[in-house]
Structure formats: structure tokens, C-alpha cells
Amino acid sequence: MAKRKVLFIGLVWPEPTSSAAGTRILQLVKLFLANGDEVHFASAAAKTDFSFELESLRVIEHEIKLNDSSFNPWLAQLQPAVVVFDRFMAEEQYGWRVQQECPAALRILDTEDLHFLRHARQTAYKQKRDLNLYNEITKRELASILRCDLSLMISQVEMEVLQQFNIDGRIIYYLPFLEEPITSTQNWKTFEERKDFLFIGNYLHEPNWQTLQYLKSSIWPLLRNKLPKSSLHIYGAYASEKVTQLHNVKERFLVHGRTENARITVAQHRVLLAPLLFGAGAKGKFIDAMQTGTPIASTKVGAEGMANGLSWAGMICDDLQTFVDEAAELYSDKEKWKQAQHNGIEIINQLYAKSRFETPFLERITNIEENLNIHRQQNFFGEILKHHTLQSTKYMSLWIEEKNKK
């Protein structure tokens, strides 16, 4: 029996050391590989020094062009059975070409997080106004979800958000981070062996940049006065000059930049300090913290959708002074710290163990493949959108292609 071909179309080449999105897409790649599928990965983006070597996993890499008709004959020859779009922007760019050349291919959208939800929260925060989900990105992302056969959601909260827009539950699927369960804690550093707070993130990601400024201006000045022997260490990818200039030894606010292995770095510290002000999806930094026994001090929006009713792996608070007081207590109280660590183990093992999710997900894909026409008829609005998008996007793309030739 020939292997099934699975094509990933990446907005960028995966960088698991830079972002949770890179980790997520790599987990999906490995899932299909473990299933015995032949996996291809294509992207029009330039590779960086931090792009993962997919060929080391026996993934076949392809460099493609944006708004270029050369993609069509290449895709027609490849004839993938499954196409996975990395975020809705990739589906916008290539979906109509996939529809034209491989109409029978199962189309999966990996949302990473709901971009329209994050955008709306960011706008509400910056403009100090009520949340408004009805924006242009909402229209684009929901249209992309409707055009695909299945869209993967990393948070149960986001599944609920989509219900507000009457998105059919048959075309969305909850698939969280796929983690190895925690079976031993022998190699974890003890409470006494750890010291200091840390924050980590990709600073191209606006929620992380805003959190960093909040830490610098509001949280840390109060917290360092309560704990005069502790420091706050800042790590993360794409730390531009605006990030590095926040470094201040006197204030014990220490900016280190990128770390080669986030989990090794997180494991050295006593508490992850992450008072996120807005955002969406699930936080990869929190998974890293729980996987290394590092308690987390966060906000409601930061922890949203990550514990699903289980006790949190640390503390959650939105009020500034209360946050500082509880973070200091989590850092200083060994029993509270150990309980938070235990809660993290429970969250990982009950909610993120990959063995619970991989087989049902693959079975869902097989079921859709075997009943694709019926599945698409049930999502007839998606078929209407595909029809009109094929026409409009096709001619826009061809116009851009002709313009680029001049």
C-alpha cells in the first residue's frame, strides 16, 4: 500500500526554539510521520539560522513562490491526499490553487490560535475600549475555516468563541499541544536549588512585548522591593534593541535574549512570571514550565483554556498589587510552590498527554476522507465560499504575478 502524501504549507519554516507556533506545527509533522505518512513541507519564506532541519526527520522540503503559477503544476504532480495550512494566511494564499489542482485533497487548517481574537483583545487593550470581535481579520479567518474540511483549535475556549459565530462543530477539532506525560521528577531541581524569576517569549509577538513592558514598568519595581535578593531574567527570540535596552543590572532586570533550549532555561528558575495582558490560544511557555516543574504566576487571559477546571500550576490574578503579593508568596512559600508543581504535573498528564489525542485525531481524518463529499455538502457555505474565493483570489493572484513580471 502506497504511503499517503501529506503536504504542509507553512507561512514560515518552523522555528520551535523561537515560538510555540513552531513547536505546534512540528508536533503535527511528527504525528503524520509516526502514522507512516510521507510528509512534505513547503514554504515561500526564507529560512533562518533557527529554522528546524525538517530533513533530519525525513520530511521532504520544497521552496515555493508566492503569487506564482509555478506552484500549480508542481502541486498537480505531487497530488497530496492531505494538505495542512499553517495559519489562515497560508490558506488564503494557496487554498484556491489546492482547490484547482487537488480538489479531492483533505484540507486542514492549523489555526495556531484565533488571530481575530488576539487582534480584538489587543485593540481593546491599546484603545481602552470594550472587546469587539467583529473586525476584518474575523471575516478573513472565519472564511478560511469555512473553506477547509477541518480546522484545528488549540484551546477549548476558542472552540466556544467559534460557536458564537455558528461555526459547525463538524469542521472544527480540539487538538491541544501533544506532550509526553510526566512520569518522573527525579531530574528536576529542588526548591532550594532554584532561584529568581524569569519571563520568556518571542518578541515579534505583540502580547509578549506588551507583557515585558508591564513587567518593567509596574510589576517588577514592586516585586523586587518585596524580594530584594531575587532577580528577573528575560529570555526569548527576536529580542531587538527596544528589548535589550530594558536590561538594568541595578534593578536586577536582566535581559539575556535567545536561549538554545527553553526547557533547560526555565528549569533553572523558581517561578515563571507571565502577567499577560491580552492574547489567545495556549501558551507554549506554560507547557515548558509545567514540563520542568516551574510554577507560573499569570493572569486570567494568560492561563485561559490551559487548565480546563483543574487547579492551576501557580497563581492567577489580574489586580497589580495582589498579583505582586501572590507572586512573592509563590516564590517564598515552599509548600505552595510544591503544590503548584504537583498541579502542573496533573495538567500535563490529564490534558496534554499525546497518547489521548493522536489516535482519535487520525481516526477523524480517515472518517472525513471516506465521506468527503457528504462532509462538504454538510458545510455548504464553505463550498459557496470556495467557489467565489477561487474566482476572486485567482484573478488577484494572477494580476500580482503579471505585475511582478514587469
Protein backbone atom coordinates (compact mmCIF):
# COMPACT_ATOMS: atom_id res chain seq x y z
CA MET A 1 0.00 0.00 0.00
CA ALA A 2 1.41 3.36 -1.06
CA LYS A 3 2.09 5.89 1.63
CA ARG A 4 -0.37 8.75 1.93
CA LYS A 5 1.20 12.07 0.97
CA VAL A 6 0.66 14.90 3.46
CA LEU A 7 1.68 18.40 2.39
CA PHE A 8 2.23 21.18 4.94
CA ILE A 9 2.18 24.71 3.52
CA GLY A 10 3.99 26.87 6.04
CA LEU A 11 3.65 30.59 6.47
CA VAL A 12 7.27 30.31 7.69
CA TRP A 13 9.71 27.44 8.22
CA PRO A 14 9.17 26.03 11.73
CA GLU A 15 11.31 27.53 14.50
CA PRO A 16 10.48 25.50 17.63
CA THR A 17 13.18 27.32 19.62
CA SER A 18 11.57 30.67 18.77
CA SER A 19 7.83 30.21 19.22
CA ALA A 20 5.04 27.92 20.35
CA ALA A 21 3.70 28.02 16.78
CA GLY A 22 6.91 26.37 15.58
CA THR A 23 6.59 23.70 18.27
CA ARG A 24 2.94 23.08 17.39
CA ILE A 25 3.47 22.60 13.65
CA LEU A 26 6.41 20.29 14.33
CA GLN A 27 4.24 18.14 16.61
CA LEU A 28 1.74 17.75 13.76
CA VAL A 29 4.51 16.84 11.32
CA LYS A 30 5.77 14.15 13.70
CA LEU A 31 2.24 12.84 14.22
CA PHE A 32 1.80 12.17 10.50
CA LEU A 33 5.30 10.71 10.22
CA ALA A 34 4.57 8.30 13.09
CA ASN A 35 1.42 7.30 11.22
CA GLY A 36 3.56 6.14 8.30
CA ASP A 37 2.67 9.04 6.00
CA GLU A 38 5.04 10.65 3.51
CA VAL A 39 5.34 14.23 4.71
CA HIS A 40 6.24 17.23 2.55
CA PHE A 41 6.75 20.78 3.82
CA ALA A 42 6.63 23.80 1.52
CA SER A 43 7.08 27.48 2.26
CA ALA A 44 7.77 30.68 0.34
CA ALA A 45 9.51 32.21 3.35
CA ALA A 46 13.26 32.47 3.66
CA LYS A 47 14.91 30.10 6.10
CA THR A 48 16.71 31.49 9.15
CA ASP A 49 19.55 30.14 11.27
CA PHE A 50 16.86 28.87 13.65
CA SER A 51 14.70 27.01 11.14
CA PHE A 52 14.30 23.36 12.13
CA GLU A 53 16.08 20.82 9.90
CA LEU A 54 12.98 19.00 8.72
CA GLU A 55 15.06 16.74 6.50
CA SER A 56 16.50 15.19 9.68
CA LEU A 57 13.02 13.73 10.21
CA ARG A 58 12.87 12.56 6.56
CA VAL A 59 10.44 15.31 5.69
CA ILE A 60 10.77 16.40 2.05
CA GLU A 61 11.28 20.15 1.84
CA HIS A 62 10.13 22.38 -1.01
CA GLU A 63 10.82 26.06 -1.61
CA ILE A 64 7.82 27.63 -3.34
CA LYS A 65 6.96 31.10 -4.58
CA LEU A 66 4.16 33.43 -3.58
CA ASN A 67 1.69 34.51 -6.26
CA ASP A 68 3.43 32.35 -8.86
CA SER A 69 1.76 29.89 -11.21
CA SER A 70 4.73 27.50 -10.94
CA PHE A 71 3.05 26.21 -7.77
CA ASN A 72 0.17 24.71 -9.76
CA PRO A 73 1.99 22.16 -11.97
CA TRP A 74 4.21 21.23 -9.05
CA LEU A 75 1.17 20.58 -6.84
CA ALA A 76 -0.63 18.71 -9.63
CA GLN A 77 2.34 16.37 -9.92
CA LEU A 78 2.69 15.87 -6.15
CA GLN A 79 -1.04 15.12 -5.67
CA PRO A 80 -1.14 15.13 -1.84
CA ALA A 81 -4.03 13.35 -0.14
CA VAL A 82 -3.96 15.83 2.76
CA VAL A 83 -2.93 19.50 2.77
CA VAL A 84 -2.28 21.26 6.09
CA PHE A 85 -2.26 25.06 6.00
CA ASP A 86 -0.14 26.72 8.68
CA ARG A 87 -2.42 29.58 9.77
CA PHE A 88 -5.23 31.13 7.76
CA MET A 89 -2.91 33.41 5.77
CA ALA A 90 -1.35 30.36 4.10
CA GLU A 91 -4.80 29.08 3.18
CA GLU A 92 -5.69 32.47 1.71
CA GLN A 93 -2.57 32.41 -0.44
CA TYR A 94 -2.62 28.81 -1.64
CA GLY A 95 -6.08 27.40 -0.91
CA TRP A 96 -7.56 28.26 -4.30
CA ARG A 97 -4.61 26.62 -6.06
CA VAL A 98 -5.07 23.46 -3.97
CA GLN A 99 -8.76 23.51 -4.84
CA GLN A 100 -7.96 23.84 -8.54
CA GLU A 101 -5.25 21.17 -8.77
CA CYS A 102 -6.21 18.73 -5.98
CA PRO A 103 -9.96 19.11 -5.36
CA ALA A 104 -10.15 15.73 -3.59
CA ALA A 105 -7.35 16.56 -1.12
CA LEU A 106 -8.46 16.87 2.51
CA ARG A 107 -7.85 20.46 3.60
CA ILE A 108 -6.82 21.04 7.23
CA LEU A 109 -6.25 24.46 8.75
CA ASP A 110 -3.99 24.65 11.79
CA THR A 111 -5.12 27.96 13.29
CA GLU A 112 -2.27 28.05 15.92
CA ASP A 113 -4.57 30.43 17.78
CA LEU A 114 -7.54 32.52 16.71
CA HIS A 115 -5.82 35.54 15.23
CA PHE A 116 -9.02 37.59 15.21
CA LEU A 117 -9.49 37.02 18.95
CA ARG A 118 -5.93 38.08 19.72
CA HIS A 119 -6.25 41.10 17.42
CA ALA A 120 -9.54 42.17 19.01
CA ARG A 121 -8.10 41.87 22.51
CA GLN A 122 -5.00 43.80 21.52
CA THR A 123 -7.13 46.60 20.04
CA ALA A 124 -9.38 46.69 23.12
CA TYR A 125 -6.33 46.87 25.42
CA LYS A 126 -4.47 49.55 23.50
CA GLN A 127 -7.50 51.72 22.78
CA LYS A 128 -9.04 51.11 26.23
CA ARG A 129 -12.41 50.06 24.87
CA ASP A 130 -14.74 47.07 25.00
CA LEU A 131 -13.90 43.89 23.11
CA ASN A 132 -15.26 43.84 19.55
CA LEU A 133 -14.81 40.56 17.69
CA TYR A 134 -16.40 41.87 14.50
CA ASN A 135 -13.34 43.02 12.57
CA GLU A 136 -11.77 42.40 9.16
CA ILE A 137 -9.47 39.67 10.46
CA THR A 138 -12.52 37.87 11.86
CA LYS A 139 -14.09 37.81 8.40
CA ARG A 140 -10.91 36.51 6.79
CA GLU A 141 -10.18 33.85 9.39
CA LEU A 142 -13.75 32.55 9.60
CA ALA A 143 -13.89 32.37 5.80
CA SER A 144 -10.70 30.30 5.84
CA ILE A 145 -12.16 27.98 8.49
CA LEU A 146 -15.31 27.52 6.39
CA ARG A 147 -13.31 26.75 3.24
CA CYS A 148 -11.36 23.96 4.97
CA ASP A 149 -12.60 20.47 5.77
CA LEU A 150 -11.25 20.60 9.33
CA SER A 151 -9.72 23.38 11.43
CA LEU A 152 -7.58 22.57 14.46
CA MET A 153 -8.13 24.58 17.63
CA ILE A 154 -5.53 24.55 20.38
CA SER A 155 -7.90 25.86 23.10
CA GLN A 156 -11.36 24.79 24.27
CA VAL A 157 -12.13 28.46 24.91
CA GLU A 158 -11.59 29.18 21.22
CA MET A 159 -13.94 26.32 20.32
CA GLU A 160 -16.56 28.17 22.37
CA VAL A 161 -15.75 31.51 20.71
CA LEU A 162 -16.43 29.96 17.30
CA GLN A 163 -19.84 28.81 18.50
CA GLN A 164 -20.78 32.50 18.78
CA PHE A 165 -20.44 32.62 15.00
CA ASN A 166 -22.44 29.42 14.46
CA ILE A 167 -19.46 27.53 13.06
CA ASP A 168 -20.48 23.89 12.55
CA GLY A 169 -18.80 21.68 15.15
CA ARG A 170 -18.12 19.08 12.44
CA ILE A 171 -15.49 21.29 10.79
CA ILE A 172 -13.54 22.29 13.92
CA TYR A 173 -11.49 19.97 16.12
CA TYR A 174 -9.85 20.48 19.51
CA LEU A 175 -6.24 19.34 19.38
CA PRO A 176 -4.04 20.76 22.17
CA PHE A 177 -0.26 20.63 22.45
CA LEU A 178 0.76 16.98 22.16
CA GLU A 179 3.06 16.28 25.09
CA GLU A 180 4.93 13.37 26.60
CA PRO A 181 3.42 12.64 30.04
CA ILE A 182 5.48 13.43 33.14
CA THR A 183 6.46 10.08 34.65
CA SER A 184 9.49 11.09 36.72
CA THR A 185 10.61 14.24 38.52
CA GLN A 186 13.96 12.92 39.76
CA ASN A 187 15.97 15.20 37.48
CA TRP A 188 14.07 18.34 38.47
CA LYS A 189 15.91 20.93 40.51
CA THR A 190 14.51 21.36 44.02
CA PHE A 191 13.01 24.49 45.53
CA GLU A 192 16.34 25.25 47.25
CA GLU A 193 18.38 24.66 44.08
CA ARG A 194 16.39 27.21 42.12
CA LYS A 195 16.35 30.98 42.38
CA ASP A 196 14.96 34.05 40.63
CA PHE A 197 12.03 34.73 38.32
CA LEU A 198 12.03 34.51 34.54
CA PHE A 199 9.96 35.59 31.59
CA ILE A 200 10.40 34.11 28.11
CA GLY A 201 8.81 34.80 24.76
CA ASN A 202 9.16 35.67 21.08
CA TYR A 203 9.26 39.48 20.99
CA LEU A 204 7.91 39.72 17.46
CA HIS A 205 4.70 38.60 19.17
CA GLU A 206 2.94 41.71 20.47
CA PRO A 207 1.46 40.11 23.65
CA ASN A 208 4.99 39.22 24.80
CA TRP A 209 6.35 42.70 24.09
CA GLN A 210 3.48 44.35 26.00
CA THR A 211 3.95 41.93 28.91
CA LEU A 212 7.65 42.74 29.03
CA GLN A 213 6.89 46.46 29.28
CA TYR A 214 4.32 45.79 32.01
CA LEU A 215 6.89 43.76 33.97
CA LYS A 216 9.47 46.52 33.63
CA SER A 217 7.23 49.47 34.50
CA SER A 218 4.75 48.06 37.02
CA ILE A 219 5.26 44.50 38.30
CA TRP A 220 8.99 44.25 38.89
CA PRO A 221 9.53 47.57 40.74
CA LEU A 222 7.05 46.37 43.40
CA LEU A 223 8.18 42.75 43.42
CA ARG A 224 11.90 43.43 43.72
CA ASN A 225 11.23 45.58 46.79
CA LYS A 226 9.43 42.65 48.43
CA LEU A 227 12.20 40.21 47.44
CA PRO A 228 15.46 42.19 47.49
CA LYS A 229 17.64 39.13 46.84
CA SER A 230 15.82 37.99 43.70
CA SER A 231 16.30 38.93 40.04
CA LEU A 232 14.10 38.77 36.96
CA HIS A 233 15.70 37.12 33.92
CA ILE A 234 14.32 37.89 30.45
CA TYR A 235 14.81 35.35 27.65
CA GLY A 236 13.40 34.88 24.20
CA ALA A 237 13.77 35.06 20.44
CA TYR A 238 14.00 38.23 18.37
CA ALA A 239 15.00 40.49 21.24
CA SER A 240 15.54 43.70 19.28
CA GLU A 241 17.21 46.83 20.63
CA LYS A 242 13.96 48.02 22.25
CA VAL A 243 14.06 44.80 24.30
CA THR A 244 17.77 44.73 25.15
CA GLN A 245 17.77 48.37 26.25
CA LEU A 246 15.49 47.39 29.15
CA HIS A 247 18.43 45.50 30.72
CA ASN A 248 19.33 47.05 34.07
CA VAL A 249 21.70 45.32 36.49
CA LYS A 250 20.94 47.76 39.32
CA GLU A 251 17.23 46.93 39.06
CA ARG A 252 18.06 43.21 38.75
CA PHE A 253 16.12 43.19 35.43
CA LEU A 254 18.42 41.08 33.27
CA VAL A 255 17.83 40.68 29.53
CA HIS A 256 19.64 37.66 28.06
CA GLY A 257 17.99 37.20 24.66
CA ARG A 258 17.50 33.89 22.89
CA THR A 259 18.09 30.59 24.67
CA GLU A 260 19.00 27.41 22.82
CA ASN A 261 16.71 25.20 24.87
CA ALA A 262 13.74 26.87 26.57
CA ARG A 263 13.01 23.97 28.91
CA ILE A 264 16.56 23.76 30.21
CA THR A 265 16.49 27.51 30.84
CA VAL A 266 13.06 27.54 32.50
CA ALA A 267 14.09 24.61 34.72
CA GLN A 268 16.80 26.70 36.39
CA HIS A 269 14.41 29.27 37.84
CA ARG A 270 11.90 29.15 40.66
CA VAL A 271 8.89 30.94 39.12
CA LEU A 272 7.79 31.87 35.60
CA LEU A 273 6.45 35.43 35.81
CA ALA A 274 3.99 35.92 32.94
CA PRO A 275 1.29 38.58 33.59
CA LEU A 276 -0.03 38.59 30.02
CA LEU A 277 -2.38 41.46 29.22
CA PHE A 278 -4.00 40.03 26.09
CA GLY A 279 -3.57 37.16 23.68
CA ALA A 280 -5.24 33.97 22.52
CA GLY A 281 -4.58 30.26 22.16
CA ALA A 282 -2.46 28.18 24.53
CA LYS A 283 0.91 29.33 25.83
CA GLY A 284 3.90 27.20 24.94
CA LYS A 285 5.91 28.83 27.71
CA PHE A 286 3.41 27.47 30.25
CA ILE A 287 3.75 23.94 28.85
CA ASP A 288 7.54 24.29 29.14
CA ALA A 289 7.18 25.46 32.74
CA MET A 290 4.89 22.60 33.78
CA GLN A 291 7.11 20.07 31.99
CA THR A 292 10.04 21.26 34.10
CA GLY A 293 8.24 21.72 37.42
CA THR A 294 8.36 25.52 37.34
CA PRO A 295 5.29 27.22 38.90
CA ILE A 296 3.62 30.00 36.92
CA ALA A 297 2.38 33.43 38.04
CA SER A 298 -0.05 34.67 35.40
CA THR A 299 -3.28 36.49 34.61
CA LYS A 300 -6.70 35.16 33.64
CA VAL A 301 -6.13 35.73 29.93
CA GLY A 302 -2.69 34.13 30.18
CA ALA A 303 -3.95 30.94 31.80
CA GLU A 304 -7.16 30.88 29.73
CA GLY A 305 -8.08 27.47 28.39
CA MET A 306 -4.98 25.75 29.75
CA ALA A 307 -6.21 24.03 32.92
CA ASN A 308 -9.84 23.31 31.92
CA GLY A 309 -11.13 23.07 35.51
CA LEU A 310 -8.01 21.60 37.14
CA SER A 311 -6.12 23.53 39.82
CA TRP A 312 -3.64 25.96 38.28
CA ALA A 313 0.13 25.36 38.38
CA GLY A 314 0.80 28.50 40.40
CA MET A 315 -1.31 31.64 40.79
CA ILE A 316 -3.70 33.66 38.61
CA CYS A 317 -4.53 37.30 39.31
CA ASP A 318 -5.29 40.47 37.32
CA ASP A 319 -5.00 43.10 40.07
CA LEU A 320 -1.49 44.59 40.15
CA GLN A 321 -0.83 44.70 43.90
CA THR A 322 -2.49 41.35 44.58
CA PHE A 323 -0.52 39.81 41.74
CA VAL A 324 2.75 41.05 43.25
CA ASP A 325 1.81 39.79 46.74
CA GLU A 326 0.77 36.34 45.49
CA ALA A 327 3.79 36.00 43.19
CA ALA A 328 6.09 36.80 46.12
CA GLU A 329 4.28 34.20 48.24
CA LEU A 330 4.53 31.58 45.49
CA TYR A 331 8.26 32.29 45.25
CA SER A 332 8.87 32.15 49.02
CA ASP A 333 6.44 29.51 50.34
CA LYS A 334 7.92 26.07 49.67
CA GLU A 335 4.67 24.19 50.29
CA LYS A 336 2.65 26.40 47.93
CA TRP A 337 5.43 26.10 45.38
CA LYS A 338 5.44 22.29 45.59
CA GLN A 339 1.63 22.16 45.33
CA ALA A 340 1.79 24.33 42.20
CA GLN A 341 4.40 21.97 40.78
CA HIS A 342 2.13 18.99 41.51
CA ASN A 343 -0.79 20.77 39.83
CA GLY A 344 1.33 21.23 36.72
CA ILE A 345 2.01 17.50 36.54
CA GLU A 346 -1.74 16.82 36.74
CA ILE A 347 -2.49 19.33 33.97
CA ILE A 348 0.10 17.87 31.60
CA ASN A 349 -0.83 14.25 32.23
CA GLN A 350 -4.59 14.70 32.14
CA LEU A 351 -4.99 17.39 29.47
CA TYR A 352 -1.97 17.25 27.16
CA ALA A 353 -0.67 13.66 27.06
CA LYS A 354 -0.39 12.99 23.34
CA SER A 355 -1.48 9.35 23.65
CA ARG A 356 -5.00 10.62 24.46
CA PHE A 357 -5.33 12.67 21.29
CA GLU A 358 -3.29 11.23 18.43
CA THR A 359 -5.38 8.15 17.54
CA PRO A 360 -8.80 9.89 17.75
CA PHE A 361 -7.47 12.70 15.56
CA LEU A 362 -6.16 10.32 12.89
CA GLU A 363 -9.44 8.41 13.01
CA ARG A 364 -11.34 11.67 12.49
CA ILE A 365 -9.25 12.43 9.40
CA THR A 366 -9.86 8.95 8.00
CA ASN A 367 -13.58 9.29 8.60
CA ILE A 368 -13.73 12.60 6.72
CA GLU A 369 -11.62 11.18 3.86
CA GLU A 370 -14.00 8.25 3.48
CA ASN A 371 -17.07 10.54 3.47
CA LEU A 372 -15.59 13.68 1.92
CA ASN A 373 -18.46 14.55 -0.41
CA ILE A 374 -21.06 14.21 2.36
CA HIS A 375 -18.83 16.16 4.76
CA ARG A 376 -18.53 19.01 2.27
CA GLN A 377 -22.24 19.03 1.47
CA GLN A 378 -22.93 19.45 5.19
CA ASN A 379 -20.66 22.51 5.10
CA PHE A 380 -22.29 24.02 2.03
CA PHE A 381 -21.47 27.60 2.99
CA GLY A 382 -17.84 26.55 2.76
CA GLU A 383 -18.44 25.26 -0.76
CA ILE A 384 -20.02 28.59 -1.72
CA LEU A 385 -17.02 30.47 -0.31
CA LYS A 386 -14.61 28.21 -2.15
CA HIS A 387 -16.44 28.89 -5.41
CA HIS A 388 -16.26 32.67 -5.03
CA THR A 389 -12.79 32.71 -3.48
CA LEU A 390 -11.40 30.62 -6.34
CA GLN A 391 -12.57 33.29 -8.76
CA SER A 392 -11.62 36.42 -6.82
CA THR A 393 -8.33 35.25 -5.31
CA LYS A 394 -7.29 33.58 -8.53
CA TYR A 395 -7.57 36.76 -10.58
CA MET A 396 -5.98 38.91 -7.89
CA SER A 397 -3.04 36.50 -7.68
CA LEU A 398 -2.67 36.32 -11.47
CA TRP A 399 -2.75 40.15 -11.60
CA ILE A 400 0.03 40.33 -8.98
CA GLU A 401 2.02 37.71 -10.88
CA GLU A 402 1.76 39.70 -14.14
CA LYS A 403 2.69 42.91 -12.32
CA ASN A 404 5.78 41.22 -10.86
CA LYS A 405 6.96 40.28 -14.36
CA LYS A 406 7.24 43.93 -15.41
